[in-house]
């Protein structure tokens, strides 16, 4: 009986050891699965955050495929972005390139000349809400300013509507976005923010100017995707933006227009301003 009992005890011990090994392997698999799930969910969160950022980014250039793509990121950062030193250029020796861009809704008016117009120093926007004057930086952003000079001569902006307003309370930014030639800006235009001139051009003067009140910069959908969309800043909160949107000028007249539009708020469905802004005419000149 003792031998039998001992044999049974041995079998129980072996079974218990086998069960413990199984449980250990199962726990290891579960732990690994949890780690994988955490990594996956973290990536998912990052993707979601990225999507939210992109969606809030009003400002985009290169004619984005979506309204969100053509905008700057509104997600605030806890620390200031690392300083960026703009690359010095000799604007008199710059040759501009404007390759064709077929994305989005295109109003094709040709392409600007390769030699930049360095006399284009002031852009005046005659809008339905008043006049906005922008002192531009042709020596620092020659190809950007050259594009605006070309588009203005083609009456490209005439009759266009500023299609996006973001306020500090809702998006962490303080900007009005314009320059989409086909935007309806009525709260119903699902394609608002997708229009452009049918060409793109590279970023310029990055890090050379803070995005403070009055600064005007290019919207984009990624590096070197500038087209015709731009944004005007009416608040200092936007200084948090990373230096990835080409600044090319500063409002010298008309901040009251921007403040009035901002105060009116926007249509909740797509952020079109309630106080509509239609650009009637754009003229380019030298500073007097």
C-alpha atoms as a PDB file:
ATOM      1  CA  UNK A   1       0.000   0.000   0.000  1.00  0.00           C
ATOM      2  CA  UNK A   2       2.809   2.312   0.827  1.00  0.00           C
ATOM      3  CA  UNK A   3       4.427   1.779  -2.566  1.00  0.00           C
ATOM      4  CA  UNK A   4       1.131   2.375  -4.295  1.00  0.00           C
ATOM      5  CA  UNK A   5       0.547   5.529  -2.241  1.00  0.00           C
ATOM      6  CA  UNK A   6       4.039   6.742  -3.050  1.00  0.00           C
ATOM      7  CA  UNK A   7       3.444   6.139  -6.739  1.00  0.00           C
ATOM      8  CA  UNK A   8       0.205   8.083  -6.646  1.00  0.00           C
ATOM      9  CA  UNK A   9       1.877  10.931  -4.800  1.00  0.00           C
ATOM     10  CA  UNK A  10       4.596  10.952  -7.434  1.00  0.00           C
ATOM     11  CA  UNK A  11       2.014  11.116 -10.196  1.00  0.00           C
ATOM     12  CA  UNK A  12       0.277  13.982  -8.433  1.00  0.00           C
ATOM     13  CA  UNK A  13       3.584  15.783  -8.030  1.00  0.00           C
ATOM     14  CA  UNK A  14       4.419  15.345 -11.728  1.00  0.00           C
ATOM     15  CA  UNK A  15       0.937  16.502 -12.694  1.00  0.00           C
ATOM     16  CA  UNK A  16       1.236  19.504 -10.409  1.00  0.00           C
ATOM     17  CA  UNK A  17       4.639  20.408 -11.855  1.00  0.00           C
ATOM     18  CA  UNK A  18       3.256  20.056 -15.380  1.00  0.00           C
ATOM     19  CA  UNK A  19       0.294  22.269 -14.467  1.00  0.00           C
ATOM     20  CA  UNK A  20       2.604  24.872 -12.926  1.00  0.00           C
ATOM     21  CA  UNK A  21       4.748  24.909 -16.071  1.00  0.00           C
ATOM     22  CA  UNK A  22       1.630  25.368 -18.172  1.00  0.00           C
ATOM     23  CA  UNK A  23       0.421  28.215 -15.969  1.00  0.00           C
ATOM     24  CA  UNK A  24       3.840  29.880 -16.087  1.00  0.00           C
ATOM     25  CA  UNK A  25       3.918  29.732 -19.878  1.00  0.00           C
ATOM     26  CA  UNK A  26       0.339  31.016 -20.018  1.00  0.00           C
ATOM     27  CA  UNK A  27       1.149  33.919 -17.717  1.00  0.00           C
ATOM     28  CA  UNK A  28       4.214  34.756 -19.808  1.00  0.00           C
ATOM     29  CA  UNK A  29       2.077  34.751 -22.947  1.00  0.00           C
ATOM     30  CA  UNK A  30      -0.525  36.943 -21.264  1.00  0.00           C
ATOM     31  CA  UNK A  31       2.125  39.375 -20.048  1.00  0.00           C
ATOM     32  CA  UNK A  32       3.576  39.571 -23.524  1.00  0.00           C
ATOM     33  CA  UNK A  33       0.123  40.096 -24.969  1.00  0.00           C
ATOM     34  CA  UNK A  34      -0.517  42.902 -22.483  1.00  0.00           C
ATOM     35  CA  UNK A  35       2.768  44.567 -23.412  1.00  0.00           C
ATOM     36  CA  UNK A  36       1.871  44.288 -27.073  1.00  0.00           C
ATOM     37  CA  UNK A  37      -1.572  45.684 -26.376  1.00  0.00           C
ATOM     38  CA  UNK A  38      -0.082  48.613 -24.497  1.00  0.00           C
ATOM     39  CA  UNK A  39       2.320  49.339 -27.331  1.00  0.00           C
ATOM     40  CA  UNK A  40      -0.483  49.005 -29.844  1.00  0.00           C
ATOM     41  CA  UNK A  41      -2.806  51.246 -27.893  1.00  0.00           C
ATOM     42  CA  UNK A  42      -0.026  53.796 -27.439  1.00  0.00           C
ATOM     43  CA  UNK A  43       0.585  53.834 -31.147  1.00  0.00           C
ATOM     44  CA  UNK A  44      -3.153  54.121 -31.650  1.00  0.00           C
ATOM     45  CA  UNK A  45      -3.305  57.081 -29.296  1.00  0.00           C
ATOM     46  CA  UNK A  46      -0.431  58.716 -31.122  1.00  0.00           C
ATOM     47  CA  UNK A  47      -2.159  58.150 -34.411  1.00  0.00           C
ATOM     48  CA  UNK A  48      -5.372  59.640 -33.028  1.00  0.00           C
ATOM     49  CA  UNK A  49      -3.480  62.587 -31.597  1.00  0.00           C
ATOM     50  CA  UNK A  50      -1.749  63.050 -34.920  1.00  0.00           C
ATOM     51  CA  UNK A  51      -5.106  62.996 -36.642  1.00  0.00           C
ATOM     52  CA  UNK A  52      -6.516  65.549 -34.232  1.00  0.00           C
ATOM     53  CA  UNK A  53      -3.475  67.742 -34.710  1.00  0.00           C
ATOM     54  CA  UNK A  54      -3.736  67.462 -38.474  1.00  0.00           C
ATOM     55  CA  UNK A  55      -7.430  68.201 -38.326  1.00  0.00           C
ATOM     56  CA  UNK A  56      -6.866  71.285 -36.262  1.00  0.00           C
ATOM     57  CA  UNK A  57      -3.999  72.424 -38.306  1.00  0.00           C
ATOM     58  CA  UNK A  58      -5.529  74.813 -40.395  1.00  0.00           C
ATOM     59  CA  UNK A  59      -2.724  75.900 -42.121  1.00  0.00           C
ATOM     60  CA  UNK A  60      -1.447  73.909 -44.932  1.00  0.00           C
ATOM     61  CA  UNK A  61       0.298  74.441 -48.130  1.00  0.00           C
ATOM     62  CA  UNK A  62       0.899  72.364 -51.165  1.00  0.00           C
ATOM     63  CA  UNK A  63      -2.835  72.052 -51.520  1.00  0.00           C
ATOM     64  CA  UNK A  64      -3.816  69.432 -49.022  1.00  0.00           C
ATOM     65  CA  UNK A  65      -5.964  66.461 -49.767  1.00  0.00           C
ATOM     66  CA  UNK A  66      -8.262  67.382 -46.910  1.00  0.00           C
ATOM     67  CA  UNK A  67      -9.351  70.514 -45.131  1.00  0.00           C
ATOM     68  CA  UNK A  68      -7.311  69.465 -42.134  1.00  0.00           C
ATOM     69  CA  UNK A  69      -4.176  68.944 -44.133  1.00  0.00           C
ATOM     70  CA  UNK A  70      -3.849  72.530 -45.128  1.00  0.00           C
ATOM     71  CA  UNK A  71      -3.318  74.061 -41.767  1.00  0.00           C
ATOM     72  CA  UNK A  72      -0.963  74.527 -38.858  1.00  0.00           C
ATOM     73  CA  UNK A  73      -1.063  72.333 -35.809  1.00  0.00           C
ATOM     74  CA  UNK A  74      -3.144  73.630 -32.991  1.00  0.00           C
ATOM     75  CA  UNK A  75      -1.955  71.202 -30.362  1.00  0.00           C
ATOM     76  CA  UNK A  76      -0.074  73.161 -27.701  1.00  0.00           C
ATOM     77  CA  UNK A  77       3.230  71.893 -26.420  1.00  0.00           C
ATOM     78  CA  UNK A  78       4.390  72.076 -22.813  1.00  0.00           C
ATOM     79  CA  UNK A  79       7.793  73.319 -23.867  1.00  0.00           C
ATOM     80  CA  UNK A  80       8.762  75.677 -26.636  1.00  0.00           C
ATOM     81  CA  UNK A  81       9.897  74.061 -29.897  1.00  0.00           C
ATOM     82  CA  UNK A  82      13.671  73.863 -30.377  1.00  0.00           C
ATOM     83  CA  UNK A  83      15.140  76.985 -31.967  1.00  0.00           C
ATOM     84  CA  UNK A  84      15.632  76.865 -35.703  1.00  0.00           C
ATOM     85  CA  UNK A  85      18.199  79.042 -37.402  1.00  0.00           C
ATOM     86  CA  UNK A  86      17.001  80.218 -40.802  1.00  0.00           C
ATOM     87  CA  UNK A  87      19.424  79.619 -43.629  1.00  0.00           C
ATOM     88  CA  UNK A  88      20.806  82.931 -44.970  1.00  0.00           C
ATOM     89  CA  UNK A  89      20.106  83.449 -48.655  1.00  0.00           C
ATOM     90  CA  UNK A  90      21.013  85.918 -51.356  1.00  0.00           C
ATOM     91  CA  UNK A  91      17.617  86.601 -52.884  1.00  0.00           C
ATOM     92  CA  UNK A  92      19.203  88.093 -56.001  1.00  0.00           C
ATOM     93  CA  UNK A  93      20.691  84.705 -56.831  1.00  0.00           C
ATOM     94  CA  UNK A  94      17.653  82.573 -56.059  1.00  0.00           C
ATOM     95  CA  UNK A  95      15.953  80.560 -58.782  1.00  0.00           C
ATOM     96  CA  UNK A  96      12.411  79.520 -57.860  1.00  0.00           C
ATOM     97  CA  UNK A  97      10.894  76.196 -58.823  1.00  0.00           C
ATOM     98  CA  UNK A  98       7.162  75.567 -59.057  1.00  0.00           C
ATOM     99  CA  UNK A  99       6.525  71.940 -60.038  1.00  0.00           C
ATOM    100  CA  UNK A 100       3.027  70.882 -61.033  1.00  0.00           C
ATOM    101  CA  UNK A 101       0.701  69.667 -58.272  1.00  0.00           C
ATOM    102  CA  UNK A 102      -2.498  67.872 -59.224  1.00  0.00           C
ATOM    103  CA  UNK A 103      -3.881  67.156 -55.742  1.00  0.00           C
ATOM    104  CA  UNK A 104      -7.067  68.794 -54.566  1.00  0.00           C
ATOM    105  CA  UNK A 105      -9.277  71.185 -56.503  1.00  0.00           C
ATOM    106  CA  UNK A 106      -7.151  73.196 -58.890  1.00  0.00           C
ATOM    107  CA  UNK A 107      -7.611  76.658 -60.359  1.00  0.00           C
ATOM    108  CA  UNK A 108      -4.835  76.521 -62.925  1.00  0.00           C
ATOM    109  CA  UNK A 109      -3.378  79.871 -63.950  1.00  0.00           C
ATOM    110  CA  UNK A 110       0.057  78.670 -65.025  1.00  0.00           C
ATOM    111  CA  UNK A 111       3.246  78.942 -62.981  1.00  0.00           C
ATOM    112  CA  UNK A 112       5.249  81.925 -61.703  1.00  0.00           C
ATOM    113  CA  UNK A 113       8.549  82.942 -63.304  1.00  0.00           C
ATOM    114  CA  UNK A 114      11.726  81.377 -61.945  1.00  0.00           C
ATOM    115  CA  UNK A 115      13.258  84.778 -61.214  1.00  0.00           C
ATOM    116  CA  UNK A 116      11.596  86.245 -58.110  1.00  0.00           C
ATOM    117  CA  UNK A 117      10.057  89.700 -58.064  1.00  0.00           C
ATOM    118  CA  UNK A 118      12.008  91.390 -55.291  1.00  0.00           C
ATOM    119  CA  UNK A 119      10.064  94.635 -55.717  1.00  0.00           C
ATOM    120  CA  UNK A 120       6.884  92.961 -54.437  1.00  0.00           C
ATOM    121  CA  UNK A 121       6.971  94.357 -50.920  1.00  0.00           C
ATOM    122  CA  UNK A 122       3.368  95.118 -50.054  1.00  0.00           C
ATOM    123  CA  UNK A 123       0.182  93.117 -50.599  1.00  0.00           C
ATOM    124  CA  UNK A 124      -3.202  94.784 -50.160  1.00  0.00           C
ATOM    125  CA  UNK A 125      -6.266  92.610 -49.694  1.00  0.00           C
ATOM    126  CA  UNK A 126      -9.520  94.416 -50.401  1.00  0.00           C
ATOM    127  CA  UNK A 127     -12.106  92.332 -48.563  1.00  0.00           C
ATOM    128  CA  UNK A 128     -15.806  92.468 -47.817  1.00  0.00           C
ATOM    129  CA  UNK A 129     -14.909  93.396 -44.229  1.00  0.00           C
ATOM    130  CA  UNK A 130     -12.290  96.040 -44.940  1.00  0.00           C
ATOM    131  CA  UNK A 131      -8.760  96.447 -46.220  1.00  0.00           C
ATOM    132  CA  UNK A 132      -5.850  94.357 -44.980  1.00  0.00           C
ATOM    133  CA  UNK A 133      -2.311  95.453 -45.853  1.00  0.00           C
ATOM    134  CA  UNK A 134       0.598  93.030 -45.520  1.00  0.00           C
ATOM    135  CA  UNK A 135       4.237  94.112 -45.590  1.00  0.00           C
ATOM    136  CA  UNK A 136       6.026  91.193 -47.259  1.00  0.00           C
ATOM    137  CA  UNK A 137       9.593  89.862 -47.020  1.00  0.00           C
ATOM    138  CA  UNK A 138      10.846  89.274 -50.593  1.00  0.00           C
ATOM    139  CA  UNK A 139      14.490  89.079 -49.529  1.00  0.00           C
ATOM    140  CA  UNK A 140      13.774  86.370 -46.946  1.00  0.00           C
ATOM    141  CA  UNK A 141      10.989  84.432 -48.669  1.00  0.00           C
ATOM    142  CA  UNK A 142      11.523  85.379 -52.325  1.00  0.00           C
ATOM    143  CA  UNK A 143       9.772  82.414 -53.945  1.00  0.00           C
ATOM    144  CA  UNK A 144       6.766  82.715 -51.638  1.00  0.00           C
ATOM    145  CA  UNK A 145       6.360  86.441 -52.317  1.00  0.00           C
ATOM    146  CA  UNK A 146       6.985  85.817 -56.018  1.00  0.00           C
ATOM    147  CA  UNK A 147       4.097  83.355 -56.089  1.00  0.00           C
ATOM    148  CA  UNK A 148       1.721  85.891 -54.531  1.00  0.00           C
ATOM    149  CA  UNK A 149       2.825  88.574 -56.987  1.00  0.00           C
ATOM    150  CA  UNK A 150       2.128  86.189 -59.866  1.00  0.00           C
ATOM    151  CA  UNK A 151      -1.262  85.040 -58.554  1.00  0.00           C
ATOM    152  CA  UNK A 152      -2.353  88.615 -57.855  1.00  0.00           C
ATOM    153  CA  UNK A 153      -1.588  89.599 -61.461  1.00  0.00           C
ATOM    154  CA  UNK A 154      -3.729  86.667 -62.596  1.00  0.00           C
ATOM    155  CA  UNK A 155      -6.636  87.871 -60.383  1.00  0.00           C
ATOM    156  CA  UNK A 156      -6.426  84.439 -58.769  1.00  0.00           C
ATOM    157  CA  UNK A 157      -7.710  85.552 -55.357  1.00  0.00           C
ATOM    158  CA  UNK A 158     -10.520  87.776 -56.593  1.00  0.00           C
ATOM    159  CA  UNK A 159     -13.848  86.508 -55.306  1.00  0.00           C
ATOM    160  CA  UNK A 160     -12.293  83.903 -53.001  1.00  0.00           C
ATOM    161  CA  UNK A 161     -13.469  83.387 -49.424  1.00  0.00           C
ATOM    162  CA  UNK A 162     -11.508  82.847 -46.235  1.00  0.00           C
ATOM    163  CA  UNK A 163     -12.695  79.396 -45.223  1.00  0.00           C
ATOM    164  CA  UNK A 164     -11.316  78.665 -41.775  1.00  0.00           C
ATOM    165  CA  UNK A 165     -11.240  80.399 -38.419  1.00  0.00           C
ATOM    166  CA  UNK A 166      -9.575  78.931 -35.339  1.00  0.00           C
ATOM    167  CA  UNK A 167      -9.711  80.652 -31.965  1.00  0.00           C
ATOM    168  CA  UNK A 168      -7.641  80.030 -28.810  1.00  0.00           C
ATOM    169  CA  UNK A 169     -10.719  78.745 -26.973  1.00  0.00           C
ATOM    170  CA  UNK A 170     -11.422  76.050 -29.539  1.00  0.00           C
ATOM    171  CA  UNK A 171      -8.175  75.111 -31.223  1.00  0.00           C
ATOM    172  CA  UNK A 172      -5.266  76.627 -29.346  1.00  0.00           C
ATOM    173  CA  UNK A 173      -4.578  78.896 -32.298  1.00  0.00           C
ATOM    174  CA  UNK A 174      -5.701  82.347 -33.370  1.00  0.00           C
ATOM    175  CA  UNK A 175      -5.782  82.286 -37.149  1.00  0.00           C
ATOM    176  CA  UNK A 176      -7.882  83.040 -40.200  1.00  0.00           C
ATOM    177  CA  UNK A 177      -7.077  80.904 -43.234  1.00  0.00           C
ATOM    178  CA  UNK A 178      -7.623  82.047 -46.802  1.00  0.00           C
ATOM    179  CA  UNK A 179      -6.387  81.323 -50.316  1.00  0.00           C
ATOM    180  CA  UNK A 180      -8.491  78.365 -51.424  1.00  0.00           C
ATOM    181  CA  UNK A 181      -9.910  79.590 -54.763  1.00  0.00           C
ATOM    182  CA  UNK A 182     -12.847  77.177 -54.667  1.00  0.00           C
ATOM    183  CA  UNK A 183     -13.883  77.287 -50.990  1.00  0.00           C
ATOM    184  CA  UNK A 184     -17.550  78.038 -50.290  1.00  0.00           C
ATOM    185  CA  UNK A 185     -16.946  78.994 -46.631  1.00  0.00           C
ATOM    186  CA  UNK A 186     -20.630  78.468 -45.887  1.00  0.00           C
ATOM    187  CA  UNK A 187     -20.349  75.607 -43.437  1.00  0.00           C
ATOM    188  CA  UNK A 188     -21.321  73.104 -46.112  1.00  0.00           C
ATOM    189  CA  UNK A 189     -18.203  72.872 -48.238  1.00  0.00           C
ATOM    190  CA  UNK A 190     -16.660  69.494 -47.458  1.00  0.00           C
ATOM    191  CA  UNK A 191     -13.805  70.248 -49.850  1.00  0.00           C
ATOM    192  CA  UNK A 192     -12.954  73.649 -48.407  1.00  0.00           C
ATOM    193  CA  UNK A 193      -9.216  73.764 -47.878  1.00  0.00           C
ATOM    194  CA  UNK A 194      -8.374  71.468 -50.786  1.00  0.00           C
ATOM    195  CA  UNK A 195      -8.000  74.075 -53.525  1.00  0.00           C
ATOM    196  CA  UNK A 196      -4.806  75.407 -55.012  1.00  0.00           C
ATOM    197  CA  UNK A 197      -3.043  76.833 -58.071  1.00  0.00           C
ATOM    198  CA  UNK A 198      -1.883  73.554 -59.574  1.00  0.00           C
ATOM    199  CA  UNK A 199       1.724  73.969 -58.467  1.00  0.00           C
ATOM    200  CA  UNK A 200       3.722  73.805 -55.250  1.00  0.00           C
ATOM    201  CA  UNK A 201       6.955  75.289 -53.938  1.00  0.00           C
ATOM    202  CA  UNK A 202       9.442  74.791 -51.136  1.00  0.00           C
ATOM    203  CA  UNK A 203       9.411  76.195 -47.610  1.00  0.00           C
ATOM    204  CA  UNK A 204      11.431  79.324 -46.882  1.00  0.00           C
ATOM    205  CA  UNK A 205      12.590  81.393 -43.907  1.00  0.00           C
ATOM    206  CA  UNK A 206      11.649  78.706 -41.373  1.00  0.00           C
ATOM    207  CA  UNK A 207      12.485  79.812 -37.851  1.00  0.00           C
ATOM    208  CA  UNK A 208      13.097  83.362 -39.020  1.00  0.00           C
ATOM    209  CA  UNK A 209       9.994  84.909 -37.484  1.00  0.00           C
ATOM    210  CA  UNK A 210       7.814  84.123 -34.483  1.00  0.00           C
ATOM    211  CA  UNK A 211       4.197  83.323 -35.231  1.00  0.00           C
ATOM    212  CA  UNK A 212       2.942  86.277 -33.236  1.00  0.00           C
ATOM    213  CA  UNK A 213      -0.022  88.565 -33.751  1.00  0.00           C
ATOM    214  CA  UNK A 214      -0.051  90.050 -37.237  1.00  0.00           C
ATOM    215  CA  UNK A 215       2.263  87.495 -38.850  1.00  0.00           C
ATOM    216  CA  UNK A 216       1.124  85.974 -42.155  1.00  0.00           C
ATOM    217  CA  UNK A 217       2.391  82.522 -43.161  1.00  0.00           C
ATOM    218  CA  UNK A 218       1.776  79.724 -45.637  1.00  0.00           C
ATOM    219  CA  UNK A 219      -0.552  76.834 -44.870  1.00  0.00           C
ATOM    220  CA  UNK A 220       0.725  73.433 -45.937  1.00  0.00           C
ATOM    221  CA  UNK A 221       0.085  69.718 -45.915  1.00  0.00           C
ATOM    222  CA  UNK A 222       3.685  68.766 -45.170  1.00  0.00           C
ATOM    223  CA  UNK A 223       7.224  69.925 -45.947  1.00  0.00           C
ATOM    224  CA  UNK A 224       7.603  71.841 -49.227  1.00  0.00           C
ATOM    225  CA  UNK A 225       3.921  71.659 -50.202  1.00  0.00           C
ATOM    226  CA  UNK A 226       3.085  75.367 -50.357  1.00  0.00           C
ATOM    227  CA  UNK A 227       0.423  76.474 -52.818  1.00  0.00           C
ATOM    228  CA  UNK A 228      -1.939  79.428 -52.460  1.00  0.00           C
ATOM    229  CA  UNK A 229      -3.414  78.974 -48.982  1.00  0.00           C
ATOM    230  CA  UNK A 230      -2.160  81.197 -46.186  1.00  0.00           C
ATOM    231  CA  UNK A 231      -3.150  82.203 -42.672  1.00  0.00           C
ATOM    232  CA  UNK A 232      -3.224  85.468 -40.774  1.00  0.00           C
ATOM    233  CA  UNK A 233      -2.577  85.409 -37.030  1.00  0.00           C
ATOM    234  CA  UNK A 234      -4.722  87.593 -34.764  1.00  0.00           C
ATOM    235  CA  UNK A 235      -3.444  86.361 -31.368  1.00  0.00           C
ATOM    236  CA  UNK A 236      -0.148  85.616 -29.625  1.00  0.00           C
ATOM    237  CA  UNK A 237      -1.224  82.100 -28.582  1.00  0.00           C
ATOM    238  CA  UNK A 238      -0.090  80.842 -31.976  1.00  0.00           C
ATOM    239  CA  UNK A 239       3.556  81.390 -31.056  1.00  0.00           C
ATOM    240  CA  UNK A 240       3.509  77.738 -29.970  1.00  0.00           C
ATOM    241  CA  UNK A 241       3.396  76.543 -33.564  1.00  0.00           C
ATOM    242  CA  UNK A 242       6.483  74.621 -34.686  1.00  0.00           C
ATOM    243  CA  UNK A 243       8.601  76.434 -37.277  1.00  0.00           C
ATOM    244  CA  UNK A 244       7.281  74.564 -40.300  1.00  0.00           C
ATOM    245  CA  UNK A 245       5.066  77.185 -41.920  1.00  0.00           C
ATOM    246  CA  UNK A 246       6.737  79.774 -44.130  1.00  0.00           C
ATOM    247  CA  UNK A 247       6.215  83.294 -42.708  1.00  0.00           C
ATOM    248  CA  UNK A 248       6.348  85.890 -45.451  1.00  0.00           C
ATOM    249  CA  UNK A 249       4.888  89.090 -44.052  1.00  0.00           C
ATOM    250  CA  UNK A 250       3.238  91.096 -41.302  1.00  0.00           C
ATOM    251  CA  UNK A 251      -0.092  92.921 -41.240  1.00  0.00           C
ATOM    252  CA  UNK A 252       0.551  96.674 -41.107  1.00  0.00           C
ATOM    253  CA  UNK A 253      -3.105  97.655 -41.506  1.00  0.00           C
ATOM    254  CA  UNK A 254      -6.335  95.780 -40.922  1.00  0.00           C
ATOM    255  CA  UNK A 255      -5.875  93.960 -37.618  1.00  0.00           C
ATOM    256  CA  UNK A 256      -9.260  95.416 -36.653  1.00  0.00           C
ATOM    257  CA  UNK A 257     -10.758  93.434 -39.523  1.00  0.00           C
ATOM    258  CA  UNK A 258      -9.255  90.208 -38.206  1.00  0.00           C
ATOM    259  CA  UNK A 259     -10.400  90.976 -34.661  1.00  0.00           C
ATOM    260  CA  UNK A 260     -13.952  91.587 -35.854  1.00  0.00           C
ATOM    261  CA  UNK A 261     -14.022  88.298 -37.753  1.00  0.00           C
ATOM    262  CA  UNK A 262     -12.539  86.431 -34.780  1.00  0.00           C
ATOM    263  CA  UNK A 263     -15.097  87.921 -32.391  1.00  0.00           C
ATOM    264  CA  UNK A 264     -17.914  86.668 -34.624  1.00  0.00           C
ATOM    265  CA  UNK A 265     -16.891  83.039 -34.148  1.00  0.00           C
ATOM    266  CA  UNK A 266     -17.287  80.226 -36.624  1.00  0.00           C
ATOM    267  CA  UNK A 267     -19.757  77.667 -37.908  1.00  0.00           C
ATOM    268  CA  UNK A 268     -19.193  74.580 -35.766  1.00  0.00           C
ATOM    269  CA  UNK A 269     -19.324  72.044 -38.575  1.00  0.00           C
ATOM    270  CA  UNK A 270     -16.202  73.115 -40.420  1.00  0.00           C
ATOM    271  CA  UNK A 271     -14.921  76.294 -38.765  1.00  0.00           C
ATOM    272  CA  UNK A 272     -15.975  78.680 -41.513  1.00  0.00           C
ATOM    273  CA  UNK A 273     -16.163  82.192 -40.010  1.00  0.00           C
ATOM    274  CA  UNK A 274     -19.658  83.477 -39.263  1.00  0.00           C
ATOM    275  CA  UNK A 275     -18.513  86.928 -40.317  1.00  0.00           C
ATOM    276  CA  UNK A 276     -17.745  86.082 -43.920  1.00  0.00           C
ATOM    277  CA  UNK A 277     -14.578  87.399 -45.531  1.00  0.00           C
ATOM    278  CA  UNK A 278     -14.519  87.588 -49.318  1.00  0.00           C
ATOM    279  CA  UNK A 279     -11.360  88.830 -50.997  1.00  0.00           C
ATOM    280  CA  UNK A 280     -12.486  91.250 -53.686  1.00  0.00           C
ATOM    281  CA  UNK A 281      -9.079  92.171 -55.076  1.00  0.00           C
ATOM    282  CA  UNK A 282      -5.376  91.732 -54.351  1.00  0.00           C
ATOM    283  CA  UNK A 283      -2.733  94.224 -55.401  1.00  0.00           C
ATOM    284  CA  UNK A 284       1.041  94.023 -55.044  1.00  0.00           C
ATOM    285  CA  UNK A 285       3.300  97.066 -54.862  1.00  0.00           C
ATOM    286  CA  UNK A 286       6.584  98.381 -53.545  1.00  0.00           C
ATOM    287  CA  UNK A 287       6.716 100.199 -50.240  1.00  0.00           C
ATOM    288  CA  UNK A 288       6.407 103.956 -50.573  1.00  0.00           C
END
